[in-house]
Amino acid sequence: MDDISNRLEQLWEEKKELGLIKKIAGDAPSSTDAHQRPPTTCVPTEHAVYGRDDDTAKILELVSSDEPNDDANFCVIPIVGMGGIGKTTLARKVYNDKEVKIFNPKAWVCVSDDFDLLRISKAIIESITGRSCDLKDLNAMQIQLKHKVAGKKILTCRR
């Protein structure tokens, strides 16, 4: 019994040292979970992208369309799927396509599982203006953002 108890204690200590924790389905993500995925950038990291030409063409057609949406004054084009299938790569390919260069402003902002509207608003403003945003109040940021994008066609990519 002593050998088994000593071994269990040793395993418990190793588990703590390695940062291993038991996850239960339905648990809310912790703040450390949100930081495990690295942030993305609009700068292409791939030398070439294969097999996504049809998807890229479909999204570019939707992005370039000037047809109004019946229900709202904006249109969302979702890119969904399991992790690791290339959603961010596809979004980056569309974002950097020559047909999309006409968008002004364009913003690439990484939105993690740890959703912070103040941080996201600040990042969008900074991406659009190319300057640091010193505002601390969400309302002030939202008003500035509204003025920056009012009446403009906007392309945003959310990871």
N, C-alpha and C. Protein backbone atom coordinates (compact mmCIF):
# COMPACT_ATOMS: atom_id res chain seq x y z
N MET A 1 0.82 -1.19 0.00
CA MET A 1 0.00 0.00 0.00
C MET A 1 0.86 1.26 0.00
N ASP A 2 1.94 1.19 0.79
CA ASP A 2 2.83 2.36 0.85
C ASP A 2 3.43 2.68 -0.51
N ASP A 3 3.82 1.63 -1.24
CA ASP A 3 4.40 1.84 -2.57
C ASP A 3 3.40 2.50 -3.51
N ILE A 4 2.16 2.03 -3.45
CA ILE A 4 1.12 2.59 -4.31
C ILE A 4 0.85 4.05 -3.93
N SER A 5 0.74 4.33 -2.65
CA SER A 5 0.50 5.71 -2.18
C SER A 5 1.64 6.63 -2.58
N ASN A 6 2.87 6.17 -2.42
CA ASN A 6 4.03 6.98 -2.81
C ASN A 6 4.03 7.25 -4.30
N ARG A 7 3.68 6.23 -5.09
CA ARG A 7 3.64 6.39 -6.55
C ARG A 7 2.55 7.38 -6.95
N LEU A 8 1.38 7.30 -6.32
CA LEU A 8 0.29 8.24 -6.62
C LEU A 8 0.68 9.68 -6.26
N GLU A 9 1.34 9.85 -5.14
CA GLU A 9 1.81 11.18 -4.76
C GLU A 9 2.83 11.71 -5.76
N GLN A 10 3.72 10.83 -6.20
CA GLN A 10 4.72 11.22 -7.19
C GLN A 10 4.04 11.64 -8.50
N LEU A 11 3.06 10.86 -8.94
CA LEU A 11 2.32 11.19 -10.16
C LEU A 11 1.56 12.52 -10.00
N TRP A 12 0.99 12.74 -8.82
CA TRP A 12 0.28 13.99 -8.55
C TRP A 12 1.22 15.19 -8.67
N GLU A 13 2.41 15.07 -8.13
CA GLU A 13 3.40 16.15 -8.21
C GLU A 13 3.84 16.39 -9.66
N GLU A 14 4.05 15.31 -10.42
CA GLU A 14 4.44 15.44 -11.83
C GLU A 14 3.33 16.12 -12.63
N LYS A 15 2.09 15.76 -12.33
CA LYS A 15 0.94 16.36 -13.01
C LYS A 15 0.93 17.88 -12.76
N LYS A 16 1.15 18.29 -11.53
CA LYS A 16 1.17 19.72 -11.21
C LYS A 16 2.32 20.44 -11.91
N GLU A 17 3.49 19.81 -11.93
CA GLU A 17 4.66 20.40 -12.57
C GLU A 17 4.45 20.58 -14.07
N LEU A 18 3.75 19.64 -14.69
CA LEU A 18 3.49 19.70 -16.13
C LEU A 18 2.30 20.59 -16.48
N GLY A 19 1.56 21.03 -15.47
CA GLY A 19 0.41 21.87 -15.73
C GLY A 19 -0.78 21.12 -16.27
N LEU A 20 -0.84 19.83 -16.00
CA LEU A 20 -1.96 19.01 -16.48
C LEU A 20 -3.14 19.16 -15.54
N ILE A 21 -4.31 19.39 -16.12
CA ILE A 21 -5.51 19.51 -15.31
C ILE A 21 -6.62 18.70 -15.96
N LYS A 22 -7.53 18.25 -15.16
CA LYS A 22 -8.66 17.47 -15.68
C LYS A 22 -9.72 18.43 -16.19
N LYS A 23 -10.14 18.25 -17.44
CA LYS A 23 -11.18 19.07 -18.04
C LYS A 23 -12.47 18.28 -18.07
N ILE A 24 -13.55 18.92 -17.70
CA ILE A 24 -14.86 18.30 -17.74
C ILE A 24 -15.65 18.98 -18.84
N ALA A 25 -16.34 18.20 -19.67
CA ALA A 25 -17.14 18.76 -20.77
C ALA A 25 -18.10 19.80 -20.22
N GLY A 26 -18.16 20.94 -20.87
CA GLY A 26 -19.06 22.00 -20.46
C GLY A 26 -18.40 23.04 -19.57
N ASP A 27 -17.18 22.77 -19.10
CA ASP A 27 -16.47 23.77 -18.29
C ASP A 27 -16.21 25.01 -19.12
N ALA A 28 -16.33 26.16 -18.50
CA ALA A 28 -16.01 27.41 -19.18
C ALA A 28 -14.50 27.48 -19.36
N PRO A 29 -14.04 28.04 -20.48
CA PRO A 29 -12.60 28.15 -20.68
C PRO A 29 -11.98 29.09 -19.66
N SER A 30 -10.82 28.72 -19.16
CA SER A 30 -10.14 29.59 -18.21
C SER A 30 -9.32 30.63 -18.97
N SER A 31 -8.79 31.60 -18.24
CA SER A 31 -8.01 32.65 -18.90
C SER A 31 -6.76 32.07 -19.55
N THR A 32 -6.23 30.96 -19.02
CA THR A 32 -5.05 30.37 -19.65
C THR A 32 -5.42 29.66 -20.94
N ASP A 33 -6.65 29.13 -21.03
CA ASP A 33 -7.09 28.48 -22.27
C ASP A 33 -7.11 29.48 -23.41
N ALA A 34 -7.57 30.70 -23.16
CA ALA A 34 -7.70 31.71 -24.21
C ALA A 34 -6.35 32.11 -24.77
N HIS A 35 -5.30 31.96 -23.99
CA HIS A 35 -3.98 32.40 -24.44
C HIS A 35 -3.20 31.28 -25.12
N GLN A 36 -3.76 30.08 -25.18
CA GLN A 36 -3.04 28.98 -25.78
C GLN A 36 -2.98 29.11 -27.30
N ARG A 37 -4.01 29.71 -27.89
CA ARG A 37 -3.98 29.92 -29.34
C ARG A 37 -3.21 31.20 -29.63
N PRO A 38 -2.24 31.13 -30.50
CA PRO A 38 -1.48 32.36 -30.79
C PRO A 38 -2.33 33.34 -31.59
N PRO A 39 -2.11 34.63 -31.41
CA PRO A 39 -2.84 35.60 -32.21
C PRO A 39 -2.46 35.49 -33.68
N THR A 40 -3.35 35.95 -34.55
CA THR A 40 -3.08 35.87 -35.98
C THR A 40 -2.71 37.24 -36.52
N THR A 41 -2.26 37.24 -37.74
CA THR A 41 -1.90 38.47 -38.42
C THR A 41 -2.39 38.39 -39.86
N CYS A 42 -2.59 39.55 -40.49
CA CYS A 42 -3.02 39.55 -41.88
C CYS A 42 -1.84 39.33 -42.82
N VAL A 43 -0.63 39.38 -42.31
CA VAL A 43 0.56 39.16 -43.13
C VAL A 43 0.62 37.67 -43.49
N PRO A 44 0.67 37.36 -44.79
CA PRO A 44 0.68 35.95 -45.19
C PRO A 44 1.87 35.20 -44.61
N THR A 45 1.58 34.04 -44.03
CA THR A 45 2.64 33.19 -43.49
C THR A 45 2.84 31.96 -44.36
N GLU A 46 1.92 31.75 -45.30
CA GLU A 46 1.99 30.59 -46.18
C GLU A 46 2.65 30.99 -47.49
N HIS A 47 3.52 30.11 -48.01
CA HIS A 47 4.13 30.38 -49.31
C HIS A 47 3.13 30.19 -50.42
N ALA A 48 2.25 29.21 -50.26
CA ALA A 48 1.21 28.93 -51.24
C ALA A 48 0.04 28.27 -50.53
N VAL A 49 -1.16 28.47 -51.07
CA VAL A 49 -2.36 27.84 -50.53
C VAL A 49 -2.96 27.00 -51.65
N TYR A 50 -3.15 25.72 -51.40
CA TYR A 50 -3.66 24.81 -52.42
C TYR A 50 -5.07 24.36 -52.08
N GLY A 51 -5.89 24.22 -53.12
CA GLY A 51 -7.21 23.65 -52.97
C GLY A 51 -8.27 24.57 -52.42
N ARG A 52 -8.01 25.86 -52.31
CA ARG A 52 -9.00 26.78 -51.77
C ARG A 52 -9.42 27.84 -52.78
N ASP A 53 -9.10 27.63 -54.05
CA ASP A 53 -9.42 28.62 -55.08
C ASP A 53 -10.93 28.82 -55.23
N ASP A 54 -11.71 27.74 -55.20
CA ASP A 54 -13.16 27.87 -55.33
C ASP A 54 -13.75 28.62 -54.14
N ASP A 55 -13.29 28.26 -52.93
CA ASP A 55 -13.78 28.95 -51.73
C ASP A 55 -13.42 30.42 -51.77
N THR A 56 -12.18 30.71 -52.17
CA THR A 56 -11.73 32.10 -52.26
C THR A 56 -12.58 32.87 -53.26
N ALA A 57 -12.84 32.28 -54.42
CA ALA A 57 -13.65 32.95 -55.46
C ALA A 57 -15.07 33.23 -54.96
N LYS A 58 -15.66 32.27 -54.25
CA LYS A 58 -17.03 32.46 -53.73
C LYS A 58 -17.07 33.60 -52.71
N ILE A 59 -16.11 33.63 -51.82
CA ILE A 59 -16.08 34.68 -50.80
C ILE A 59 -15.82 36.04 -51.46
N LEU A 60 -14.89 36.08 -52.42
CA LEU A 60 -14.61 37.35 -53.11
C LEU A 60 -15.83 37.86 -53.85
N GLU A 61 -16.62 36.95 -54.42
CA GLU A 61 -17.85 37.34 -55.11
C GLU A 61 -18.83 37.96 -54.11
N LEU A 62 -18.96 37.35 -52.94
CA LEU A 62 -19.85 37.89 -51.92
C LEU A 62 -19.36 39.24 -51.39
N VAL A 63 -18.05 39.34 -51.17
CA VAL A 63 -17.46 40.57 -50.66
C VAL A 63 -17.60 41.71 -51.67
N SER A 64 -17.45 41.40 -52.94
CA SER A 64 -17.48 42.42 -53.98
C SER A 64 -18.90 42.84 -54.36
N SER A 65 -19.89 42.07 -53.95
CA SER A 65 -21.28 42.34 -54.32
C SER A 65 -21.75 43.65 -53.71
N ASP A 66 -22.46 44.43 -54.50
CA ASP A 66 -23.04 45.67 -54.01
C ASP A 66 -24.53 45.53 -53.72
N GLU A 67 -25.03 44.30 -53.81
CA GLU A 67 -26.44 44.08 -53.55
C GLU A 67 -26.73 44.27 -52.07
N PRO A 68 -27.76 45.06 -51.74
CA PRO A 68 -28.07 45.28 -50.33
C PRO A 68 -28.65 44.03 -49.69
N ASN A 69 -28.41 43.89 -48.42
CA ASN A 69 -28.97 42.80 -47.64
C ASN A 69 -30.38 43.20 -47.23
N ASP A 70 -31.34 42.29 -47.32
CA ASP A 70 -32.72 42.61 -47.01
C ASP A 70 -32.95 42.97 -45.55
N ASP A 71 -32.27 42.29 -44.64
CA ASP A 71 -32.57 42.43 -43.22
C ASP A 71 -31.73 43.47 -42.49
N ALA A 72 -30.57 43.78 -42.99
CA ALA A 72 -29.68 44.68 -42.25
C ALA A 72 -28.82 45.46 -43.23
N ASN A 73 -28.10 46.43 -42.69
CA ASN A 73 -27.21 47.21 -43.54
C ASN A 73 -25.80 46.64 -43.54
N PHE A 74 -25.67 45.38 -43.14
CA PHE A 74 -24.39 44.71 -43.22
C PHE A 74 -24.60 43.24 -43.55
N CYS A 75 -23.55 42.60 -43.99
CA CYS A 75 -23.61 41.20 -44.37
C CYS A 75 -22.44 40.48 -43.70
N VAL A 76 -22.70 39.33 -43.16
CA VAL A 76 -21.66 38.53 -42.53
C VAL A 76 -21.44 37.29 -43.38
N ILE A 77 -20.19 37.01 -43.69
CA ILE A 77 -19.83 35.82 -44.45
C ILE A 77 -19.06 34.91 -43.50
N PRO A 78 -19.73 33.89 -42.96
CA PRO A 78 -19.04 33.03 -41.99
C PRO A 78 -18.12 32.02 -42.67
N ILE A 79 -16.98 31.80 -42.06
CA ILE A 79 -16.07 30.73 -42.46
C ILE A 79 -15.98 29.84 -41.23
N VAL A 80 -16.61 28.68 -41.30
CA VAL A 80 -16.72 27.83 -40.12
C VAL A 80 -16.12 26.46 -40.39
N GLY A 81 -15.78 25.77 -39.32
CA GLY A 81 -15.26 24.41 -39.44
C GLY A 81 -14.39 24.07 -38.25
N MET A 82 -13.96 22.83 -38.22
CA MET A 82 -13.10 22.35 -37.14
C MET A 82 -11.76 23.10 -37.15
N GLY A 83 -11.13 23.11 -36.01
CA GLY A 83 -9.82 23.73 -35.91
C GLY A 83 -8.80 23.04 -36.79
N GLY A 84 -7.96 23.81 -37.44
CA GLY A 84 -6.86 23.25 -38.21
C GLY A 84 -7.17 22.97 -39.67
N ILE A 85 -8.38 23.35 -40.14
CA ILE A 85 -8.70 23.06 -41.54
C ILE A 85 -8.39 24.22 -42.48
N GLY A 86 -7.93 25.34 -41.93
CA GLY A 86 -7.48 26.44 -42.77
C GLY A 86 -8.44 27.62 -42.87
N LYS A 87 -9.29 27.81 -41.86
CA LYS A 87 -10.22 28.95 -41.88
C LYS A 87 -9.46 30.27 -41.87
N THR A 88 -8.50 30.39 -40.99
CA THR A 88 -7.72 31.63 -40.90
C THR A 88 -6.90 31.83 -42.16
N THR A 89 -6.35 30.76 -42.70
CA THR A 89 -5.57 30.85 -43.95
C THR A 89 -6.45 31.34 -45.08
N LEU A 90 -7.67 30.82 -45.18
CA LEU A 90 -8.61 31.25 -46.21
C LEU A 90 -8.98 32.73 -46.02
N ALA A 91 -9.28 33.11 -44.79
CA ALA A 91 -9.61 34.51 -44.51
C ALA A 91 -8.45 35.43 -44.87
N ARG A 92 -7.23 35.00 -44.54
CA ARG A 92 -6.04 35.81 -44.85
C ARG A 92 -5.85 35.92 -46.37
N LYS A 93 -6.13 34.83 -47.09
CA LYS A 93 -5.99 34.84 -48.55
C LYS A 93 -6.99 35.84 -49.15
N VAL A 94 -8.22 35.83 -48.68
CA VAL A 94 -9.23 36.77 -49.17
C VAL A 94 -8.85 38.19 -48.79
N TYR A 95 -8.46 38.39 -47.54
CA TYR A 95 -8.11 39.71 -47.02
C TYR A 95 -7.01 40.37 -47.85
N ASN A 96 -6.05 39.57 -48.30
CA ASN A 96 -4.90 40.11 -49.04
C ASN A 96 -5.07 40.05 -50.56
N ASP A 97 -6.21 39.60 -51.04
CA ASP A 97 -6.46 39.52 -52.48
C ASP A 97 -6.51 40.92 -53.08
N LYS A 98 -6.06 41.03 -54.34
CA LYS A 98 -6.02 42.35 -55.00
C LYS A 98 -7.41 42.96 -55.14
N GLU A 99 -8.47 42.13 -55.25
CA GLU A 99 -9.83 42.67 -55.35
C GLU A 99 -10.28 43.35 -54.07
N VAL A 100 -9.69 42.99 -52.97
CA VAL A 100 -10.09 43.52 -51.67
C VAL A 100 -9.29 44.77 -51.31
N LYS A 101 -8.28 45.10 -52.08
CA LYS A 101 -7.46 46.28 -51.81
C LYS A 101 -8.28 47.57 -51.84
N ILE A 102 -9.46 47.52 -52.50
CA ILE A 102 -10.29 48.72 -52.61
C ILE A 102 -10.97 49.07 -51.30
N PHE A 103 -11.01 48.14 -50.35
CA PHE A 103 -11.67 48.41 -49.08
C PHE A 103 -10.85 49.40 -48.27
N ASN A 104 -11.52 50.40 -47.77
CA ASN A 104 -10.88 51.37 -46.90
C ASN A 104 -11.93 51.85 -45.92
N PRO A 105 -11.87 51.45 -44.69
CA PRO A 105 -10.75 50.79 -44.01
C PRO A 105 -10.83 49.28 -44.09
N LYS A 106 -9.70 48.66 -43.79
CA LYS A 106 -9.60 47.22 -43.61
C LYS A 106 -8.97 47.02 -42.24
N ALA A 107 -9.46 46.02 -41.52
CA ALA A 107 -8.90 45.76 -40.20
C ALA A 107 -8.80 44.27 -39.97
N TRP A 108 -7.68 43.84 -39.43
CA TRP A 108 -7.50 42.45 -39.03
C TRP A 108 -7.29 42.47 -37.52
N VAL A 109 -8.21 41.88 -36.80
CA VAL A 109 -8.14 41.88 -35.34
C VAL A 109 -8.37 40.47 -34.85
N CYS A 110 -7.50 40.01 -33.97
CA CYS A 110 -7.63 38.69 -33.39
C CYS A 110 -8.59 38.76 -32.20
N VAL A 111 -9.67 38.00 -32.28
CA VAL A 111 -10.65 37.93 -31.20
C VAL A 111 -10.54 36.56 -30.57
N SER A 112 -10.03 36.50 -29.36
CA SER A 112 -9.81 35.21 -28.70
C SER A 112 -11.09 34.77 -28.00
N ASP A 113 -11.02 33.59 -27.39
CA ASP A 113 -12.15 33.08 -26.62
C ASP A 113 -12.44 33.98 -25.42
N ASP A 114 -11.44 34.69 -24.95
CA ASP A 114 -11.58 35.63 -23.85
C ASP A 114 -12.07 36.95 -24.45
N PHE A 115 -13.36 37.04 -24.72
CA PHE A 115 -13.94 38.16 -25.45
C PHE A 115 -13.93 39.42 -24.58
N ASP A 116 -13.19 40.43 -25.03
CA ASP A 116 -13.09 41.70 -24.31
C ASP A 116 -13.42 42.81 -25.31
N LEU A 117 -14.63 43.33 -25.25
CA LEU A 117 -15.10 44.31 -26.21
C LEU A 117 -14.25 45.58 -26.20
N LEU A 118 -13.79 46.00 -25.04
CA LEU A 118 -12.94 47.19 -24.95
C LEU A 118 -11.63 46.97 -25.71
N ARG A 119 -11.00 45.81 -25.49
CA ARG A 119 -9.73 45.49 -26.18
C ARG A 119 -9.94 45.38 -27.68
N ILE A 120 -11.03 44.74 -28.08
CA ILE A 120 -11.31 44.54 -29.50
C ILE A 120 -11.59 45.87 -30.18
N SER A 121 -12.39 46.72 -29.55
CA SER A 121 -12.70 48.04 -30.11
C SER A 121 -11.43 48.86 -30.28
N LYS A 122 -10.58 48.83 -29.27
CA LYS A 122 -9.31 49.56 -29.33
C LYS A 122 -8.44 49.03 -30.47
N ALA A 123 -8.37 47.70 -30.61
CA ALA A 123 -7.56 47.10 -31.67
C ALA A 123 -8.09 47.47 -33.05
N ILE A 124 -9.41 47.52 -33.22
CA ILE A 124 -9.99 47.90 -34.51
C ILE A 124 -9.65 49.35 -34.84
N ILE A 125 -9.83 50.23 -33.88
CA ILE A 125 -9.51 51.65 -34.09
C ILE A 125 -8.04 51.81 -34.47
N GLU A 126 -7.16 51.13 -33.75
CA GLU A 126 -5.73 51.24 -34.03
C GLU A 126 -5.39 50.65 -35.40
N SER A 127 -6.06 49.58 -35.78
CA SER A 127 -5.82 48.98 -37.09
C SER A 127 -6.29 49.90 -38.21
N ILE A 128 -7.41 50.56 -38.02
CA ILE A 128 -7.96 51.45 -39.03
C ILE A 128 -7.13 52.73 -39.16
N THR A 129 -6.76 53.32 -38.03
CA THR A 129 -6.08 54.61 -38.07
C THR A 129 -4.56 54.50 -38.19
N GLY A 130 -4.01 53.35 -37.78
CA GLY A 130 -2.55 53.20 -37.79
C GLY A 130 -1.88 53.95 -36.65
N ARG A 131 -2.69 54.38 -35.68
CA ARG A 131 -2.17 55.11 -34.52
C ARG A 131 -2.65 54.46 -33.23
N SER A 132 -1.94 54.72 -32.17
CA SER A 132 -2.33 54.21 -30.86
C SER A 132 -3.60 54.92 -30.39
N CYS A 133 -4.49 54.17 -29.76
CA CYS A 133 -5.72 54.73 -29.22
C CYS A 133 -5.58 54.84 -27.71
N ASP A 134 -5.68 56.07 -27.20
CA ASP A 134 -5.51 56.29 -25.76
C ASP A 134 -6.83 56.31 -25.00
N LEU A 135 -7.94 56.12 -25.69
CA LEU A 135 -9.23 56.14 -25.02
C LEU A 135 -9.35 54.95 -24.07
N LYS A 136 -10.00 55.16 -22.94
CA LYS A 136 -10.17 54.10 -21.95
C LYS A 136 -11.64 53.72 -21.80
N ASP A 137 -12.53 54.53 -22.31
CA ASP A 137 -13.96 54.35 -22.14
C ASP A 137 -14.55 53.65 -23.37
N LEU A 138 -15.30 52.56 -23.16
CA LEU A 138 -15.89 51.81 -24.25
C LEU A 138 -16.81 52.68 -25.09
N ASN A 139 -17.64 53.48 -24.46
CA ASN A 139 -18.57 54.33 -25.20
C ASN A 139 -17.84 55.29 -26.13
N ALA A 140 -16.79 55.92 -25.62
CA ALA A 140 -16.00 56.85 -26.45
C ALA A 140 -15.37 56.11 -27.63
N MET A 141 -14.88 54.90 -27.38
CA MET A 141 -14.28 54.11 -28.46
C MET A 141 -15.32 53.74 -29.50
N GLN A 142 -16.49 53.32 -29.06
CA GLN A 142 -17.54 52.93 -29.98
C GLN A 142 -18.00 54.12 -30.83
N ILE A 143 -18.08 55.30 -30.23
CA ILE A 143 -18.46 56.51 -30.98
C ILE A 143 -17.40 56.83 -32.02
N GLN A 144 -16.13 56.78 -31.64
CA GLN A 144 -15.04 57.04 -32.60
C GLN A 144 -15.06 56.01 -33.72
N LEU A 145 -15.26 54.75 -33.37
CA LEU A 145 -15.30 53.69 -34.36
C LEU A 145 -16.48 53.90 -35.32
N LYS A 146 -17.61 54.28 -34.79
CA LYS A 146 -18.79 54.53 -35.63
C LYS A 146 -18.51 55.64 -36.64
N HIS A 147 -17.85 56.70 -36.21
CA HIS A 147 -17.51 57.80 -37.12
C HIS A 147 -16.50 57.38 -38.18
N LYS A 148 -15.57 56.51 -37.80
CA LYS A 148 -14.54 56.07 -38.74
C LYS A 148 -15.10 55.19 -39.86
N VAL A 149 -16.16 54.43 -39.57
CA VAL A 149 -16.66 53.46 -40.54
C VAL A 149 -18.02 53.84 -41.13
N ALA A 150 -18.60 54.93 -40.69
CA ALA A 150 -19.93 55.32 -41.16
C ALA A 150 -19.96 55.46 -42.68
N GLY A 151 -20.90 54.76 -43.31
CA GLY A 151 -21.09 54.84 -44.75
C GLY A 151 -20.05 54.13 -45.58
N LYS A 152 -19.16 53.39 -44.96
CA LYS A 152 -18.09 52.71 -45.69
C LYS A 152 -18.35 51.21 -45.74
N LYS A 153 -17.86 50.59 -46.78
CA LYS A 153 -17.90 49.14 -46.89
C LYS A 153 -16.70 48.61 -46.12
N ILE A 154 -16.95 47.70 -45.21
CA ILE A 154 -15.91 47.27 -44.29
C ILE A 154 -15.64 45.79 -44.44
N LEU A 155 -14.38 45.43 -44.41
CA LEU A 155 -13.99 44.03 -44.40
C LEU A 155 -13.30 43.77 -43.07
N THR A 156 -13.85 42.85 -42.30
CA THR A 156 -13.23 42.46 -41.03
C THR A 156 -13.08 40.96 -41.05
N CYS A 157 -12.05 40.49 -40.42
CA CYS A 157 -11.84 39.05 -40.29
C CYS A 157 -11.72 38.73 -38.82
N ARG A 158 -12.52 37.80 -38.36
CA ARG A 158 -12.48 37.38 -36.96
C ARG A 158 -11.97 35.97 -36.95
N ARG A 159 -11.01 35.74 -36.10
CA ARG A 159 -10.46 34.40 -35.98
C ARG A 159 -11.37 33.57 -35.11
